[in-house]
Amino acid sequence: MHNFTSNDLLLYVLNEANSDTTLAIEKAMQTNLSIKNEIKTLKMTIDEVDQFEMQPDAKLMDFIMEDLFVEERKVAIV
């Protein structure tokens, strides 16, 4: 029996694990419900993270926009 690290399982879910590890995890999932559930949980978590919609802070956006317009005015004056 192989002891997989959380990193091994994460690499597997992200399709970044090497072929030996991938085969070992897939074989282990056939008989080890714990590993199968961990893989399922990781996949669901990644799907949830992919759904996040990031929104910048309004103050930060105001600062950036103000800075852009200051630079634009300098270019226009020159």
Foldseek 3Di string as FASTA:
>chain_A
DDDDDLVLLLCLLVVNHDPVSVVVLVVCVVPPVVSVVSNVVSNVVVVVVVPDDDDDDPVVVVVVVVVVVVVVVVVVVD
